[in-house]
Amino acid sequence: MTPHYDPMIAKVIAHADTRAAACDRAATALAGFAIEWLRTNRDFLIACLSHPAFRAGDVHTGFIDAHLPALTARG
């Protein structure tokens, strides 16, 4: 980690009538970002938003460890 920039370069907030619709909106927004010169976790975040357990609200402190292979698979 370098002290020369803030690692949180942006925040995306999505609102919709359902959790699934909000996940879709957030994933679409993230997929539309053009980010250059920086490594990001954008694809990981999209994978989280698309995961059935996350969409169902089955999120806990062990969520990433429990689903890491699916969240980091390259498609």
N, C-alpha and C. Protein backbone atom coordinates (compact mmCIF):
# COMPACT_ATOMS: atom_id res chain seq x y z
N MET A 1 0.86 -1.18 0.00
CA MET A 1 0.00 0.00 0.00
C MET A 1 0.90 1.23 0.00
N THR A 2 0.53 2.16 -0.79
CA THR A 2 1.29 3.40 -0.85
C THR A 2 0.50 4.54 -0.20
N PRO A 3 1.17 5.48 0.42
CA PRO A 3 0.45 6.60 1.03
C PRO A 3 0.13 7.71 0.03
N HIS A 4 0.43 7.49 -1.25
CA HIS A 4 0.30 8.55 -2.24
C HIS A 4 -1.09 8.65 -2.88
N TYR A 5 -1.97 7.76 -2.56
CA TYR A 5 -3.35 7.88 -3.05
C TYR A 5 -4.28 7.12 -2.12
N ASP A 6 -5.51 7.50 -2.16
CA ASP A 6 -6.54 6.85 -1.35
C ASP A 6 -6.99 5.60 -2.09
N PRO A 7 -6.90 4.40 -1.48
CA PRO A 7 -7.29 3.20 -2.20
C PRO A 7 -8.78 3.15 -2.54
N MET A 8 -9.60 3.94 -1.87
CA MET A 8 -11.00 3.99 -2.26
C MET A 8 -11.16 5.15 -3.24
N ILE A 9 -11.10 4.82 -4.52
CA ILE A 9 -11.15 5.87 -5.53
C ILE A 9 -12.58 6.25 -5.89
N ALA A 10 -13.52 5.41 -5.51
CA ALA A 10 -14.92 5.72 -5.83
C ALA A 10 -15.84 4.89 -4.94
N LYS A 11 -17.05 5.33 -4.84
CA LYS A 11 -18.08 4.58 -4.13
C LYS A 11 -19.29 4.53 -5.06
N VAL A 12 -19.87 3.36 -5.17
CA VAL A 12 -21.05 3.18 -6.01
C VAL A 12 -22.20 2.79 -5.09
N ILE A 13 -23.29 3.50 -5.21
CA ILE A 13 -24.48 3.21 -4.43
C ILE A 13 -25.62 2.99 -5.42
N ALA A 14 -26.31 1.87 -5.28
CA ALA A 14 -27.43 1.58 -6.17
C ALA A 14 -28.68 1.34 -5.33
N HIS A 15 -29.79 1.83 -5.82
CA HIS A 15 -31.06 1.66 -5.12
C HIS A 15 -32.08 1.13 -6.11
N ALA A 16 -32.92 0.22 -5.64
CA ALA A 16 -33.99 -0.33 -6.48
C ALA A 16 -35.05 -0.92 -5.56
N ASP A 17 -36.12 -1.38 -6.15
CA ASP A 17 -37.22 -1.96 -5.36
C ASP A 17 -36.85 -3.28 -4.70
N THR A 18 -35.92 -4.02 -5.29
CA THR A 18 -35.49 -5.29 -4.72
C THR A 18 -33.98 -5.34 -4.61
N ARG A 19 -33.49 -6.23 -3.77
CA ARG A 19 -32.05 -6.40 -3.62
C ARG A 19 -31.44 -6.83 -4.95
N ALA A 20 -32.08 -7.78 -5.64
CA ALA A 20 -31.56 -8.27 -6.91
C ALA A 20 -31.46 -7.15 -7.94
N ALA A 21 -32.45 -6.31 -8.00
CA ALA A 21 -32.42 -5.19 -8.96
C ALA A 21 -31.33 -4.19 -8.60
N ALA A 22 -31.13 -3.94 -7.31
CA ALA A 22 -30.06 -3.04 -6.88
C ALA A 22 -28.69 -3.66 -7.22
N CYS A 23 -28.55 -4.97 -7.03
CA CYS A 23 -27.31 -5.64 -7.41
C CYS A 23 -27.07 -5.51 -8.91
N ASP A 24 -28.10 -5.69 -9.70
CA ASP A 24 -27.98 -5.54 -11.16
C ASP A 24 -27.53 -4.12 -11.52
N ARG A 25 -28.13 -3.14 -10.90
CA ARG A 25 -27.76 -1.74 -11.19
C ARG A 25 -26.31 -1.46 -10.81
N ALA A 26 -25.90 -1.94 -9.65
CA ALA A 26 -24.53 -1.70 -9.21
C ALA A 26 -23.53 -2.43 -10.12
N ALA A 27 -23.84 -3.67 -10.48
CA ALA A 27 -22.94 -4.43 -11.36
C ALA A 27 -22.84 -3.77 -12.73
N THR A 28 -23.96 -3.29 -13.26
CA THR A 28 -23.95 -2.60 -14.55
C THR A 28 -23.13 -1.33 -14.48
N ALA A 29 -23.28 -0.59 -13.40
CA ALA A 29 -22.49 0.64 -13.23
C ALA A 29 -21.00 0.32 -13.17
N LEU A 30 -20.63 -0.69 -12.39
CA LEU A 30 -19.22 -1.06 -12.28
C LEU A 30 -18.66 -1.53 -13.62
N ALA A 31 -19.44 -2.32 -14.34
CA ALA A 31 -18.98 -2.83 -15.64
C ALA A 31 -18.77 -1.70 -16.65
N GLY A 32 -19.48 -0.60 -16.48
CA GLY A 32 -19.38 0.52 -17.40
C GLY A 32 -18.23 1.47 -17.11
N PHE A 33 -17.56 1.30 -15.99
CA PHE A 33 -16.45 2.19 -15.64
C PHE A 33 -15.24 1.92 -16.52
N ALA A 34 -14.62 2.97 -16.99
CA ALA A 34 -13.35 2.85 -17.69
C ALA A 34 -12.25 3.26 -16.71
N ILE A 35 -11.48 2.30 -16.28
CA ILE A 35 -10.43 2.56 -15.29
C ILE A 35 -9.10 2.17 -15.92
N GLU A 36 -8.20 3.10 -15.97
CA GLU A 36 -6.90 2.84 -16.58
C GLU A 36 -5.79 3.10 -15.57
N TRP A 37 -4.67 2.42 -15.76
CA TRP A 37 -3.44 2.62 -15.00
C TRP A 37 -3.48 2.09 -13.57
N LEU A 38 -4.61 1.65 -13.10
CA LEU A 38 -4.71 1.14 -11.74
C LEU A 38 -5.26 -0.27 -11.75
N ARG A 39 -4.73 -1.10 -10.86
CA ARG A 39 -5.36 -2.40 -10.63
C ARG A 39 -6.55 -2.16 -9.72
N THR A 40 -7.66 -2.79 -10.02
CA THR A 40 -8.86 -2.62 -9.20
C THR A 40 -9.44 -3.99 -8.84
N ASN A 41 -10.42 -3.96 -7.98
CA ASN A 41 -11.16 -5.17 -7.64
C ASN A 41 -12.56 -5.13 -8.29
N ARG A 42 -12.69 -4.37 -9.36
CA ARG A 42 -13.99 -4.21 -10.02
C ARG A 42 -14.60 -5.56 -10.40
N ASP A 43 -13.84 -6.45 -11.04
CA ASP A 43 -14.39 -7.73 -11.47
C ASP A 43 -14.80 -8.58 -10.27
N PHE A 44 -14.03 -8.50 -9.20
CA PHE A 44 -14.38 -9.21 -7.97
C PHE A 44 -15.71 -8.69 -7.40
N LEU A 45 -15.88 -7.37 -7.40
CA LEU A 45 -17.12 -6.78 -6.90
C LEU A 45 -18.31 -7.19 -7.75
N ILE A 46 -18.12 -7.21 -9.06
CA ILE A 46 -19.20 -7.64 -9.96
C ILE A 46 -19.54 -9.10 -9.69
N ALA A 47 -18.53 -9.93 -9.46
CA ALA A 47 -18.77 -11.34 -9.14
C ALA A 47 -19.55 -11.47 -7.83
N CYS A 48 -19.21 -10.66 -6.84
CA CYS A 48 -19.96 -10.68 -5.57
C CYS A 48 -21.41 -10.29 -5.81
N LEU A 49 -21.62 -9.22 -6.54
CA LEU A 49 -22.99 -8.75 -6.80
C LEU A 49 -23.80 -9.75 -7.60
N SER A 50 -23.13 -10.59 -8.38
CA SER A 50 -23.81 -11.57 -9.22
C SER A 50 -24.00 -12.92 -8.54
N HIS A 51 -23.34 -13.13 -7.42
CA HIS A 51 -23.40 -14.43 -6.75
C HIS A 51 -24.79 -14.65 -6.14
N PRO A 52 -25.37 -15.83 -6.36
CA PRO A 52 -26.72 -16.10 -5.85
C PRO A 52 -26.87 -15.90 -4.34
N ALA A 53 -25.87 -16.29 -3.56
CA ALA A 53 -25.97 -16.13 -2.11
C ALA A 53 -25.98 -14.65 -1.73
N PHE A 54 -25.15 -13.85 -2.37
CA PHE A 54 -25.12 -12.41 -2.08
C PHE A 54 -26.46 -11.78 -2.47
N ARG A 55 -26.96 -12.15 -3.63
CA ARG A 55 -28.24 -11.60 -4.11
C ARG A 55 -29.39 -11.97 -3.19
N ALA A 56 -29.27 -13.13 -2.54
CA ALA A 56 -30.31 -13.58 -1.61
C ALA A 56 -30.16 -12.97 -0.22
N GLY A 57 -29.07 -12.23 -0.01
CA GLY A 57 -28.83 -11.62 1.29
C GLY A 57 -28.14 -12.53 2.27
N ASP A 58 -27.63 -13.66 1.79
CA ASP A 58 -26.93 -14.62 2.65
C ASP A 58 -25.46 -14.21 2.75
N VAL A 59 -25.23 -13.08 3.41
CA VAL A 59 -23.89 -12.51 3.52
C VAL A 59 -23.48 -12.51 4.99
N HIS A 60 -22.24 -12.90 5.24
CA HIS A 60 -21.72 -12.99 6.59
C HIS A 60 -20.22 -12.75 6.52
N THR A 61 -19.56 -12.71 7.65
CA THR A 61 -18.13 -12.39 7.66
C THR A 61 -17.29 -13.45 6.95
N GLY A 62 -17.81 -14.63 6.76
CA GLY A 62 -17.08 -15.68 6.04
C GLY A 62 -17.48 -15.82 4.59
N PHE A 63 -18.29 -14.87 4.09
CA PHE A 63 -18.82 -14.98 2.71
C PHE A 63 -17.71 -15.12 1.68
N ILE A 64 -16.71 -14.27 1.73
CA ILE A 64 -15.66 -14.30 0.71
C ILE A 64 -14.89 -15.62 0.79
N ASP A 65 -14.49 -16.03 1.98
CA ASP A 65 -13.77 -17.30 2.11
C ASP A 65 -14.62 -18.47 1.62
N ALA A 66 -15.89 -18.45 1.92
CA ALA A 66 -16.78 -19.55 1.54
C ALA A 66 -16.99 -19.64 0.04
N HIS A 67 -16.88 -18.52 -0.65
CA HIS A 67 -17.19 -18.49 -2.09
C HIS A 67 -16.02 -18.02 -2.95
N LEU A 68 -14.83 -18.01 -2.40
CA LEU A 68 -13.67 -17.45 -3.10
C LEU A 68 -13.45 -18.04 -4.49
N PRO A 69 -13.51 -19.35 -4.68
CA PRO A 69 -13.28 -19.88 -6.04
C PRO A 69 -14.25 -19.29 -7.07
N ALA A 70 -15.51 -19.18 -6.72
CA ALA A 70 -16.49 -18.62 -7.65
C ALA A 70 -16.27 -17.13 -7.86
N LEU A 71 -15.84 -16.43 -6.82
CA LEU A 71 -15.67 -14.98 -6.91
C LEU A 71 -14.42 -14.57 -7.67
N THR A 72 -13.46 -15.48 -7.77
CA THR A 72 -12.21 -15.15 -8.45
C THR A 72 -12.03 -15.90 -9.76
N ALA A 73 -13.03 -16.68 -10.17
CA ALA A 73 -12.95 -17.40 -11.45
C ALA A 73 -12.95 -16.41 -12.60
N ARG A 74 -12.15 -16.67 -13.55
CA ARG A 74 -12.10 -15.80 -14.74
C ARG A 74 -12.97 -16.40 -15.81
N GLY A 75 -13.88 -15.57 -16.33
CA GLY A 75 -14.84 -16.12 -17.30
C GLY A 75 -14.67 -15.67 -18.68
